[in-house]
Amino acid sequence: MAREKVYLEEVFPSPFMQLWAIFRKTPVAMLGFCCFTFLVVLAIFAPIIAPYNPIDGNLDMILVPPAWHEDGNVSYLLGTDDLGRDMLSRLMYGTSLTFGLSFIVVVFSLVIGVVIGSLSALTSGFKSSFLNHFLDVVLSIPSLLLAIIIVAILGPGISNTVWAVAIVFIPQFIHITRYAVKEEFRKDYVLASRLDGASNFRILYYSVFPNIVERLMSQATLAQSAAILDIATLGFLGLGAQIPLPEWGSILANGLERFYIAPWTVYLPGLAILFAVVATNLVGEGIRHALKLRKDN
């Protein structure tokens, strides 16, 4: 026989669940989240669902317009490029190279930045002052310029591009983590934990990190939109992904010479970059809006 509950206990949702409850009430943010999820799924399963190989060309189908054009072919929904390669397949594979790599870059930079930023927040004196001024100098330089300098040193290529962009974004996460941890350590609940005998690392793991994870997520979305643009820009300049890799920036650069006779080879990768950046920014703006409302309430 089941036992009945005698006492009613009020359940308080976690900070993350509170944030999600506010976030999903914003239609624009949910639209961006759905688009973001679509890009993640496409980046993972592009090799399975792409209709053609993105590198192999068909010389009998050179510069075929998209299917809605009067000269288009239904077999090539978004047309072909100057070597007869299917644009749809190249854009789908490009999702893995541009959007997918930007996601990996941000996760890597976030982990390294959080670790270094948390440790630096626990230091004081000359070390803390030196790190603070050094970060101010690094953050004053545009991320794209730093990435170009690093790629120029390491050499062109998609792997060097990933390392360059990842290195560029680490100082941002160090700065925001350091500031957030120092702000939380001034609050009363941290003082109460210290009086109970908790160590700094235990306070960080169990008390501070759950309260700053939303801010880190918001910064991560901003960093990813910038990473998408940086990877695409380096590919456009010929410093990133090399031919024949179907990275969105390199596809855009490859189609510029034929813009007037085959404009779809330019505006399709351009629209893909725009779509990814807007979707990421909508998610980030939704998180920041939800954080603001939760703080006000």
C-alpha atoms as a PDB file:
ATOM      1  CA  MET A   1       0.000   0.000   0.000  1.00  0.00           C
ATOM      2  CA  ALA A   2       1.411   3.349  -1.079  1.00  0.00           C
ATOM      3  CA  ARG A   3       2.186   5.831   1.666  1.00  0.00           C
ATOM      4  CA  GLU A   4       0.614   9.253   1.392  1.00  0.00           C
ATOM      5  CA  LYS A   5       2.696  12.390   1.731  1.00  0.00           C
ATOM      6  CA  VAL A   6       1.851  14.154   4.972  1.00  0.00           C
ATOM      7  CA  TYR A   7       3.918  17.283   4.371  1.00  0.00           C
ATOM      8  CA  LEU A   8       3.811  19.432   1.268  1.00  0.00           C
ATOM      9  CA  GLU A   9       7.246  20.482   0.146  1.00  0.00           C
ATOM     10  CA  GLU A  10       7.711  23.398  -2.227  1.00  0.00           C
ATOM     11  CA  VAL A  11      10.157  22.580  -4.980  1.00  0.00           C
ATOM     12  CA  PHE A  12      12.398  25.394  -6.220  1.00  0.00           C
ATOM     13  CA  PRO A  13      13.791  24.952  -9.738  1.00  0.00           C
ATOM     14  CA  SER A  14      17.519  25.228 -10.318  1.00  0.00           C
ATOM     15  CA  PRO A  15      18.975  28.477 -11.746  1.00  0.00           C
ATOM     16  CA  PHE A  16      19.359  26.770 -15.127  1.00  0.00           C
ATOM     17  CA  MET A  17      15.718  25.627 -15.186  1.00  0.00           C
ATOM     18  CA  GLN A  18      14.575  29.126 -14.193  1.00  0.00           C
ATOM     19  CA  LEU A  19      16.610  30.527 -17.075  1.00  0.00           C
ATOM     20  CA  TRP A  20      15.120  27.998 -19.509  1.00  0.00           C
ATOM     21  CA  ALA A  21      11.560  28.760 -18.358  1.00  0.00           C
ATOM     22  CA  ILE A  22      12.093  32.462 -19.123  1.00  0.00           C
ATOM     23  CA  PHE A  23      14.033  31.784 -22.338  1.00  0.00           C
ATOM     24  CA  ARG A  24      11.346  29.619 -23.953  1.00  0.00           C
ATOM     25  CA  LYS A  25       8.717  32.323 -23.434  1.00  0.00           C
ATOM     26  CA  THR A  26      10.522  34.543 -25.965  1.00  0.00           C
ATOM     27  CA  PRO A  27       9.405  33.530 -29.499  1.00  0.00           C
ATOM     28  CA  VAL A  28      12.354  35.134 -31.291  1.00  0.00           C
ATOM     29  CA  ALA A  29      14.840  33.429 -28.985  1.00  0.00           C
ATOM     30  CA  MET A  30      13.144  30.061 -29.499  1.00  0.00           C
ATOM     31  CA  LEU A  31      13.255  30.603 -33.267  1.00  0.00           C
ATOM     32  CA  GLY A  32      16.986  31.234 -33.025  1.00  0.00           C
ATOM     33  CA  PHE A  33      17.381  28.177 -30.788  1.00  0.00           C
ATOM     34  CA  CYS A  34      15.582  25.966 -33.336  1.00  0.00           C
ATOM     35  CA  CYS A  35      17.795  27.302 -36.140  1.00  0.00           C
ATOM     36  CA  PHE A  36      20.878  26.775 -33.972  1.00  0.00           C
ATOM     37  CA  THR A  37      19.827  23.197 -33.240  1.00  0.00           C
ATOM     38  CA  PHE A  38      19.235  22.616 -36.965  1.00  0.00           C
ATOM     39  CA  LEU A  39      22.795  23.777 -37.726  1.00  0.00           C
ATOM     40  CA  VAL A  40      24.216  21.496 -35.025  1.00  0.00           C
ATOM     41  CA  VAL A  41      22.345  18.479 -36.436  1.00  0.00           C
ATOM     42  CA  LEU A  42      23.393  19.393 -39.982  1.00  0.00           C
ATOM     43  CA  ALA A  43      27.032  19.768 -38.960  1.00  0.00           C
ATOM     44  CA  ILE A  44      27.000  16.286 -37.408  1.00  0.00           C
ATOM     45  CA  PHE A  45      25.038  14.392 -40.067  1.00  0.00           C
ATOM     46  CA  ALA A  46      26.099  16.275 -43.228  1.00  0.00           C
ATOM     47  CA  PRO A  47      28.231  13.358 -44.544  1.00  0.00           C
ATOM     48  CA  ILE A  48      25.192  11.062 -44.272  1.00  0.00           C
ATOM     49  CA  ILE A  49      22.441  13.252 -45.727  1.00  0.00           C
ATOM     50  CA  ALA A  50      24.397  15.163 -48.396  1.00  0.00           C
ATOM     51  CA  PRO A  51      23.267  14.001 -51.868  1.00  0.00           C
ATOM     52  CA  TYR A  52      26.695  14.238 -53.552  1.00  0.00           C
ATOM     53  CA  ASN A  53      30.375  14.245 -52.735  1.00  0.00           C
ATOM     54  CA  PRO A  54      31.366  17.903 -52.190  1.00  0.00           C
ATOM     55  CA  ILE A  55      34.761  17.499 -53.877  1.00  0.00           C
ATOM     56  CA  ASP A  56      33.955  15.378 -56.934  1.00  0.00           C
ATOM     57  CA  GLY A  57      32.825  17.424 -59.931  1.00  0.00           C
ATOM     58  CA  ASN A  58      30.723  16.704 -62.996  1.00  0.00           C
ATOM     59  CA  LEU A  59      32.070  18.457 -66.075  1.00  0.00           C
ATOM     60  CA  ASP A  60      28.759  17.916 -67.876  1.00  0.00           C
ATOM     61  CA  MET A  61      26.957  20.016 -65.232  1.00  0.00           C
ATOM     62  CA  ILE A  62      29.149  23.112 -64.953  1.00  0.00           C
ATOM     63  CA  LEU A  63      27.456  26.264 -63.563  1.00  0.00           C
ATOM     64  CA  VAL A  64      23.948  24.799 -63.539  1.00  0.00           C
ATOM     65  CA  PRO A  65      21.557  27.364 -61.953  1.00  0.00           C
ATOM     66  CA  PRO A  66      19.388  26.499 -58.924  1.00  0.00           C
ATOM     67  CA  ALA A  67      16.309  24.354 -59.533  1.00  0.00           C
ATOM     68  CA  TRP A  68      13.875  27.329 -59.423  1.00  0.00           C
ATOM     69  CA  HIS A  69      15.650  28.911 -62.407  1.00  0.00           C
ATOM     70  CA  GLU A  70      14.261  28.136 -65.876  1.00  0.00           C
ATOM     71  CA  ASP A  71      17.572  26.494 -66.825  1.00  0.00           C
ATOM     72  CA  GLY A  72      17.918  24.672 -63.499  1.00  0.00           C
ATOM     73  CA  ASN A  73      18.018  20.967 -62.795  1.00  0.00           C
ATOM     74  CA  VAL A  74      16.046  19.300 -60.014  1.00  0.00           C
ATOM     75  CA  SER A  75      18.938  16.905 -59.412  1.00  0.00           C
ATOM     76  CA  TYR A  76      21.005  19.909 -58.292  1.00  0.00           C
ATOM     77  CA  LEU A  77      18.641  21.846 -56.052  1.00  0.00           C
ATOM     78  CA  LEU A  78      20.993  24.794 -55.437  1.00  0.00           C
ATOM     79  CA  GLY A  79      22.928  24.523 -58.681  1.00  0.00           C
ATOM     80  CA  THR A  80      26.578  23.708 -59.302  1.00  0.00           C
ATOM     81  CA  ASP A  81      29.869  25.619 -59.349  1.00  0.00           C
ATOM     82  CA  ASP A  82      32.534  26.064 -62.032  1.00  0.00           C
ATOM     83  CA  LEU A  83      33.663  22.420 -61.673  1.00  0.00           C
ATOM     84  CA  GLY A  84      30.177  20.892 -61.616  1.00  0.00           C
ATOM     85  CA  ARG A  85      30.174  20.306 -57.868  1.00  0.00           C
ATOM     86  CA  ASP A  86      26.789  20.310 -56.147  1.00  0.00           C
ATOM     87  CA  MET A  87      26.342  23.556 -54.178  1.00  0.00           C
ATOM     88  CA  LEU A  88      23.887  22.011 -51.712  1.00  0.00           C
ATOM     89  CA  SER A  89      26.334  19.263 -50.768  1.00  0.00           C
ATOM     90  CA  ARG A  90      29.196  21.736 -50.444  1.00  0.00           C
ATOM     91  CA  LEU A  91      27.151  24.016 -48.201  1.00  0.00           C
ATOM     92  CA  MET A  92      26.057  21.094 -46.046  1.00  0.00           C
ATOM     93  CA  TYR A  93      29.633  19.896 -45.612  1.00  0.00           C
ATOM     94  CA  GLY A  94      30.650  23.517 -45.043  1.00  0.00           C
ATOM     95  CA  THR A  95      28.382  23.563 -42.005  1.00  0.00           C
ATOM     96  CA  SER A  96      30.755  21.100 -40.344  1.00  0.00           C
ATOM     97  CA  LEU A  97      33.823  23.150 -41.275  1.00  0.00           C
ATOM     98  CA  THR A  98      32.566  26.658 -40.484  1.00  0.00           C
ATOM     99  CA  PHE A  99      29.811  26.279 -37.893  1.00  0.00           C
ATOM    100  CA  GLY A 100      30.980  22.979 -36.401  1.00  0.00           C
ATOM    101  CA  LEU A 101      34.588  24.080 -35.987  1.00  0.00           C
ATOM    102  CA  SER A 102      33.454  27.370 -34.442  1.00  0.00           C
ATOM    103  CA  PHE A 103      31.526  25.350 -31.852  1.00  0.00           C
ATOM    104  CA  ILE A 104      34.603  23.231 -31.066  1.00  0.00           C
ATOM    105  CA  VAL A 105      36.783  26.344 -30.887  1.00  0.00           C
ATOM    106  CA  VAL A 106      34.453  28.015 -28.387  1.00  0.00           C
ATOM    107  CA  VAL A 107      34.199  24.901 -26.190  1.00  0.00           C
ATOM    108  CA  PHE A 108      38.000  24.556 -26.120  1.00  0.00           C
ATOM    109  CA  SER A 109      38.547  28.261 -25.388  1.00  0.00           C
ATOM    110  CA  LEU A 110      35.804  28.194 -22.750  1.00  0.00           C
ATOM    111  CA  VAL A 111      37.355  25.281 -20.841  1.00  0.00           C
ATOM    112  CA  ILE A 112      40.874  26.742 -20.897  1.00  0.00           C
ATOM    113  CA  GLY A 113      39.647  30.255 -20.118  1.00  0.00           C
ATOM    114  CA  VAL A 114      37.469  29.133 -17.195  1.00  0.00           C
ATOM    115  CA  VAL A 115      40.312  27.158 -15.623  1.00  0.00           C
ATOM    116  CA  ILE A 116      42.868  29.977 -15.940  1.00  0.00           C
ATOM    117  CA  GLY A 117      40.339  32.669 -15.030  1.00  0.00           C
ATOM    118  CA  SER A 118      39.211  30.811 -11.917  1.00  0.00           C
ATOM    119  CA  LEU A 119      42.780  30.271 -10.723  1.00  0.00           C
ATOM    120  CA  SER A 120      43.712  33.896 -11.418  1.00  0.00           C
ATOM    121  CA  ALA A 121      40.672  35.104  -9.463  1.00  0.00           C
ATOM    122  CA  LEU A 122      42.098  33.424  -6.375  1.00  0.00           C
ATOM    123  CA  THR A 123      45.413  35.265  -6.687  1.00  0.00           C
ATOM    124  CA  SER A 124      46.209  38.800  -5.593  1.00  0.00           C
ATOM    125  CA  GLY A 125      49.034  41.298  -5.639  1.00  0.00           C
ATOM    126  CA  PHE A 126      51.522  41.606  -8.507  1.00  0.00           C
ATOM    127  CA  LYS A 127      50.363  38.463 -10.348  1.00  0.00           C
ATOM    128  CA  SER A 128      46.751  39.596 -10.388  1.00  0.00           C
ATOM    129  CA  SER A 129      47.654  43.135 -11.472  1.00  0.00           C
ATOM    130  CA  PHE A 130      49.965  41.909 -14.244  1.00  0.00           C
ATOM    131  CA  LEU A 131      47.349  39.506 -15.632  1.00  0.00           C
ATOM    132  CA  ASN A 132      44.673  42.201 -15.523  1.00  0.00           C
ATOM    133  CA  HIS A 133      46.770  44.689 -17.516  1.00  0.00           C
ATOM    134  CA  PHE A 134      47.931  41.998 -19.943  1.00  0.00           C
ATOM    135  CA  LEU A 135      44.322  40.981 -20.674  1.00  0.00           C
ATOM    136  CA  ASP A 136      43.354  44.612 -21.207  1.00  0.00           C
ATOM    137  CA  VAL A 137      46.094  44.949 -23.831  1.00  0.00           C
ATOM    138  CA  VAL A 138      45.157  41.710 -25.617  1.00  0.00           C
ATOM    139  CA  LEU A 139      41.423  42.457 -25.616  1.00  0.00           C
ATOM    140  CA  SER A 140      42.052  45.904 -27.105  1.00  0.00           C
ATOM    141  CA  ILE A 141      43.310  44.227 -30.321  1.00  0.00           C
ATOM    142  CA  PRO A 142      40.592  42.986 -32.753  1.00  0.00           C
ATOM    143  CA  SER A 143      40.257  39.211 -32.681  1.00  0.00           C
ATOM    144  CA  LEU A 144      40.437  38.877 -36.459  1.00  0.00           C
ATOM    145  CA  LEU A 145      43.725  40.790 -36.605  1.00  0.00           C
ATOM    146  CA  LEU A 146      45.225  38.540 -33.946  1.00  0.00           C
ATOM    147  CA  ALA A 147      43.990  35.448 -35.798  1.00  0.00           C
ATOM    148  CA  ILE A 148      45.546  36.682 -39.058  1.00  0.00           C
ATOM    149  CA  ILE A 149      48.875  37.287 -37.296  1.00  0.00           C
ATOM    150  CA  ILE A 150      48.872  33.806 -35.729  1.00  0.00           C
ATOM    151  CA  VAL A 151      47.923  32.105 -39.019  1.00  0.00           C
ATOM    152  CA  ALA A 152      50.647  34.086 -40.808  1.00  0.00           C
ATOM    153  CA  ILE A 153      53.137  32.654 -38.299  1.00  0.00           C
ATOM    154  CA  LEU A 154      51.808  29.079 -38.292  1.00  0.00           C
ATOM    155  CA  GLY A 155      50.969  28.957 -41.997  1.00  0.00           C
ATOM    156  CA  PRO A 156      47.647  28.636 -43.888  1.00  0.00           C
ATOM    157  CA  GLY A 157      45.358  25.668 -43.362  1.00  0.00           C
ATOM    158  CA  ILE A 158      42.173  24.721 -41.578  1.00  0.00           C
ATOM    159  CA  SER A 159      43.972  23.195 -38.565  1.00  0.00           C
ATOM    160  CA  ASN A 160      46.094  26.301 -38.011  1.00  0.00           C
ATOM    161  CA  THR A 161      42.974  28.424 -38.388  1.00  0.00           C
ATOM    162  CA  VAL A 162      41.251  26.486 -35.616  1.00  0.00           C
ATOM    163  CA  TRP A 163      44.251  26.900 -33.304  1.00  0.00           C
ATOM    164  CA  ALA A 164      44.555  30.593 -34.109  1.00  0.00           C
ATOM    165  CA  VAL A 165      40.896  31.383 -33.442  1.00  0.00           C
ATOM    166  CA  ALA A 166      40.913  29.276 -30.262  1.00  0.00           C
ATOM    167  CA  ILE A 167      43.976  31.110 -28.907  1.00  0.00           C
ATOM    168  CA  VAL A 168      42.386  34.458 -29.727  1.00  0.00           C
ATOM    169  CA  PHE A 169      39.214  33.751 -27.710  1.00  0.00           C
ATOM    170  CA  ILE A 170      40.874  32.326 -24.596  1.00  0.00           C
ATOM    171  CA  PRO A 171      41.647  35.806 -23.105  1.00  0.00           C
ATOM    172  CA  GLN A 172      37.968  36.774 -23.383  1.00  0.00           C
ATOM    173  CA  PHE A 173      36.866  33.814 -21.276  1.00  0.00           C
ATOM    174  CA  ILE A 174      39.705  34.380 -18.809  1.00  0.00           C
ATOM    175  CA  HIS A 175      38.595  37.984 -18.338  1.00  0.00           C
ATOM    176  CA  ILE A 176      34.873  37.302 -17.878  1.00  0.00           C
ATOM    177  CA  THR A 177      35.508  34.272 -15.617  1.00  0.00           C
ATOM    178  CA  ARG A 178      37.963  36.177 -13.455  1.00  0.00           C
ATOM    179  CA  TYR A 179      35.574  39.109 -13.066  1.00  0.00           C
ATOM    180  CA  ALA A 180      32.559  36.872 -12.336  1.00  0.00           C
ATOM    181  CA  VAL A 181      34.394  34.724  -9.782  1.00  0.00           C
ATOM    182  CA  LYS A 182      35.753  37.772  -7.947  1.00  0.00           C
ATOM    183  CA  GLU A 183      32.247  39.256  -7.870  1.00  0.00           C
ATOM    184  CA  GLU A 184      30.761  36.059  -6.432  1.00  0.00           C
ATOM    185  CA  PHE A 185      33.492  35.725  -3.803  1.00  0.00           C
ATOM    186  CA  ARG A 186      32.384  39.064  -2.319  1.00  0.00           C
ATOM    187  CA  LYS A 187      28.888  37.741  -1.572  1.00  0.00           C
ATOM    188  CA  ASP A 188      27.603  36.502   1.769  1.00  0.00           C
ATOM    189  CA  TYR A 189      26.978  32.882   0.782  1.00  0.00           C
ATOM    190  CA  VAL A 190      30.687  32.456   0.008  1.00  0.00           C
ATOM    191  CA  LEU A 191      31.542  33.900   3.421  1.00  0.00           C
ATOM    192  CA  ALA A 192      29.146  31.417   5.017  1.00  0.00           C
ATOM    193  CA  SER A 193      30.833  28.545   3.166  1.00  0.00           C
ATOM    194  CA  ARG A 194      34.233  29.735   4.347  1.00  0.00           C
ATOM    195  CA  LEU A 195      33.029  29.876   7.927  1.00  0.00           C
ATOM    196  CA  ASP A 196      31.928  26.251   7.539  1.00  0.00           C
ATOM    197  CA  GLY A 197      35.503  25.377   6.622  1.00  0.00           C
ATOM    198  CA  ALA A 198      35.079  24.903   2.848  1.00  0.00           C
ATOM    199  CA  SER A 199      38.189  25.355   0.701  1.00  0.00           C
ATOM    200  CA  ASN A 200      38.349  27.800  -2.194  1.00  0.00           C
ATOM    201  CA  PHE A 201      38.192  25.010  -4.780  1.00  0.00           C
ATOM    202  CA  ARG A 202      35.153  23.467  -3.126  1.00  0.00           C
ATOM    203  CA  ILE A 203      33.441  26.871  -3.066  1.00  0.00           C
ATOM    204  CA  LEU A 204      34.302  27.334  -6.737  1.00  0.00           C
ATOM    205  CA  TYR A 205      32.889  23.972  -7.788  1.00  0.00           C
ATOM    206  CA  TYR A 206      29.756  23.780  -5.660  1.00  0.00           C
ATOM    207  CA  SER A 207      28.810  27.427  -5.116  1.00  0.00           C
ATOM    208  CA  VAL A 208      30.365  29.816  -7.616  1.00  0.00           C
ATOM    209  CA  PHE A 209      30.260  27.918 -10.909  1.00  0.00           C
ATOM    210  CA  PRO A 210      26.489  27.171 -10.764  1.00  0.00           C
ATOM    211  CA  ASN A 211      25.872  30.910 -10.377  1.00  0.00           C
ATOM    212  CA  ILE A 212      28.070  32.067 -13.268  1.00  0.00           C
ATOM    213  CA  VAL A 213      27.345  29.340 -15.842  1.00  0.00           C
ATOM    214  CA  GLU A 214      24.617  31.443 -17.490  1.00  0.00           C
ATOM    215  CA  ARG A 215      26.989  34.365 -18.011  1.00  0.00           C
ATOM    216  CA  LEU A 216      29.556  32.022 -19.502  1.00  0.00           C
ATOM    217  CA  MET A 217      26.920  30.612 -21.870  1.00  0.00           C
ATOM    218  CA  SER A 218      25.970  34.125 -22.962  1.00  0.00           C
ATOM    219  CA  GLN A 219      29.619  34.982 -23.635  1.00  0.00           C
ATOM    220  CA  ALA A 220      30.067  31.677 -25.489  1.00  0.00           C
ATOM    221  CA  THR A 221      27.302  32.533 -27.973  1.00  0.00           C
ATOM    222  CA  LEU A 222      28.908  35.916 -28.656  1.00  0.00           C
ATOM    223  CA  ALA A 223      32.270  34.234 -29.126  1.00  0.00           C
ATOM    224  CA  GLN A 224      30.834  31.626 -31.493  1.00  0.00           C
ATOM    225  CA  SER A 225      29.231  34.205 -33.783  1.00  0.00           C
ATOM    226  CA  ALA A 226      32.612  35.973 -33.924  1.00  0.00           C
ATOM    227  CA  ALA A 227      34.385  32.637 -34.489  1.00  0.00           C
ATOM    228  CA  ILE A 228      32.105  31.863 -37.443  1.00  0.00           C
ATOM    229  CA  LEU A 229      33.013  35.181 -39.031  1.00  0.00           C
ATOM    230  CA  ASP A 230      36.726  34.759 -38.281  1.00  0.00           C
ATOM    231  CA  ILE A 231      36.909  31.242 -39.769  1.00  0.00           C
ATOM    232  CA  ALA A 232      34.940  32.338 -42.839  1.00  0.00           C
ATOM    233  CA  THR A 233      37.054  35.484 -43.244  1.00  0.00           C
ATOM    234  CA  LEU A 234      40.321  33.569 -43.037  1.00  0.00           C
ATOM    235  CA  GLY A 235      38.970  31.121 -45.607  1.00  0.00           C
ATOM    236  CA  PHE A 236      37.922  34.026 -47.830  1.00  0.00           C
ATOM    237  CA  LEU A 237      41.415  35.534 -47.602  1.00  0.00           C
ATOM    238  CA  GLY A 238      43.017  32.205 -48.518  1.00  0.00           C
ATOM    239  CA  LEU A 239      44.567  31.750 -45.053  1.00  0.00           C
ATOM    240  CA  GLY A 240      42.036  29.210 -43.770  1.00  0.00           C
ATOM    241  CA  ALA A 241      40.593  26.146 -45.463  1.00  0.00           C
ATOM    242  CA  GLN A 242      42.397  25.411 -48.704  1.00  0.00           C
ATOM    243  CA  ILE A 243      40.956  24.193 -52.016  1.00  0.00           C
ATOM    244  CA  PRO A 244      39.007  21.917 -52.419  1.00  0.00           C
ATOM    245  CA  LEU A 245      37.603  21.942 -48.853  1.00  0.00           C
ATOM    246  CA  PRO A 246      34.002  23.249 -48.916  1.00  0.00           C
ATOM    247  CA  GLU A 247      34.346  25.889 -46.201  1.00  0.00           C
ATOM    248  CA  TRP A 248      31.818  28.726 -46.578  1.00  0.00           C
ATOM    249  CA  GLY A 249      34.420  31.508 -46.760  1.00  0.00           C
ATOM    250  CA  SER A 250      36.528  29.731 -49.371  1.00  0.00           C
ATOM    251  CA  ILE A 251      33.405  28.877 -51.420  1.00  0.00           C
ATOM    252  CA  LEU A 252      32.476  32.561 -51.363  1.00  0.00           C
ATOM    253  CA  ALA A 253      35.957  33.614 -52.483  1.00  0.00           C
ATOM    254  CA  ASN A 254      36.012  30.970 -55.237  1.00  0.00           C
ATOM    255  CA  GLY A 255      32.743  32.254 -56.716  1.00  0.00           C
ATOM    256  CA  LEU A 256      33.624  35.963 -56.812  1.00  0.00           C
ATOM    257  CA  GLU A 257      35.216  35.762 -60.262  1.00  0.00           C
ATOM    258  CA  ARG A 258      31.995  34.353 -61.722  1.00  0.00           C
ATOM    259  CA  PHE A 259      29.563  36.520 -59.776  1.00  0.00           C
ATOM    260  CA  TYR A 260      27.917  38.062 -62.856  1.00  0.00           C
ATOM    261  CA  ILE A 261      27.413  34.761 -64.687  1.00  0.00           C
ATOM    262  CA  ALA A 262      26.767  32.528 -61.655  1.00  0.00           C
ATOM    263  CA  PRO A 263      25.658  34.714 -58.701  1.00  0.00           C
ATOM    264  CA  TRP A 264      24.363  31.707 -56.717  1.00  0.00           C
ATOM    265  CA  THR A 265      27.977  30.622 -56.097  1.00  0.00           C
ATOM    266  CA  VAL A 266      28.400  33.815 -54.055  1.00  0.00           C
ATOM    267  CA  TYR A 267      25.097  34.627 -52.401  1.00  0.00           C
ATOM    268  CA  LEU A 268      24.366  31.068 -51.220  1.00  0.00           C
ATOM    269  CA  PRO A 269      27.496  30.747 -48.999  1.00  0.00           C
ATOM    270  CA  GLY A 270      26.989  34.372 -47.958  1.00  0.00           C
ATOM    271  CA  LEU A 271      23.437  33.597 -46.847  1.00  0.00           C
ATOM    272  CA  ALA A 272      24.685  30.496 -45.010  1.00  0.00           C
ATOM    273  CA  ILE A 273      27.170  32.604 -43.010  1.00  0.00           C
ATOM    274  CA  LEU A 274      24.471  35.199 -42.300  1.00  0.00           C
ATOM    275  CA  PHE A 275      22.000  32.510 -41.187  1.00  0.00           C
ATOM    276  CA  ALA A 276      24.510  30.933 -38.788  1.00  0.00           C
ATOM    277  CA  VAL A 277      25.558  34.262 -37.265  1.00  0.00           C
ATOM    278  CA  VAL A 278      21.979  35.510 -36.830  1.00  0.00           C
ATOM    279  CA  ALA A 279      20.821  32.226 -35.265  1.00  0.00           C
ATOM    280  CA  THR A 280      23.737  32.249 -32.812  1.00  0.00           C
ATOM    281  CA  ASN A 281      23.172  35.908 -31.924  1.00  0.00           C
ATOM    282  CA  LEU A 282      19.447  35.309 -31.331  1.00  0.00           C
ATOM    283  CA  VAL A 283      20.273  32.527 -28.886  1.00  0.00           C
ATOM    284  CA  GLY A 284      22.787  34.730 -27.115  1.00  0.00           C
ATOM    285  CA  GLU A 285      20.396  37.670 -26.950  1.00  0.00           C
ATOM    286  CA  GLY A 286      17.681  35.379 -25.591  1.00  0.00           C
ATOM    287  CA  ILE A 287      20.018  34.159 -22.849  1.00  0.00           C
ATOM    288  CA  ARG A 288      20.997  37.718 -21.900  1.00  0.00           C
ATOM    289  CA  HIS A 289      17.325  38.782 -21.840  1.00  0.00           C
ATOM    290  CA  ALA A 290      16.413  35.800 -19.677  1.00  0.00           C
ATOM    291  CA  LEU A 291      19.298  36.566 -17.303  1.00  0.00           C
ATOM    292  CA  LYS A 292      18.120  40.158 -16.957  1.00  0.00           C
ATOM    293  CA  LEU A 293      14.523  39.145 -16.227  1.00  0.00           C
ATOM    294  CA  ARG A 294      15.589  36.504 -13.713  1.00  0.00           C
ATOM    295  CA  LYS A 295      17.805  39.039 -11.932  1.00  0.00           C
ATOM    296  CA  ASP A 296      14.993  41.623 -11.844  1.00  0.00           C
ATOM    297  CA  ASN A 297      12.553  39.066 -10.414  1.00  0.00           C
END
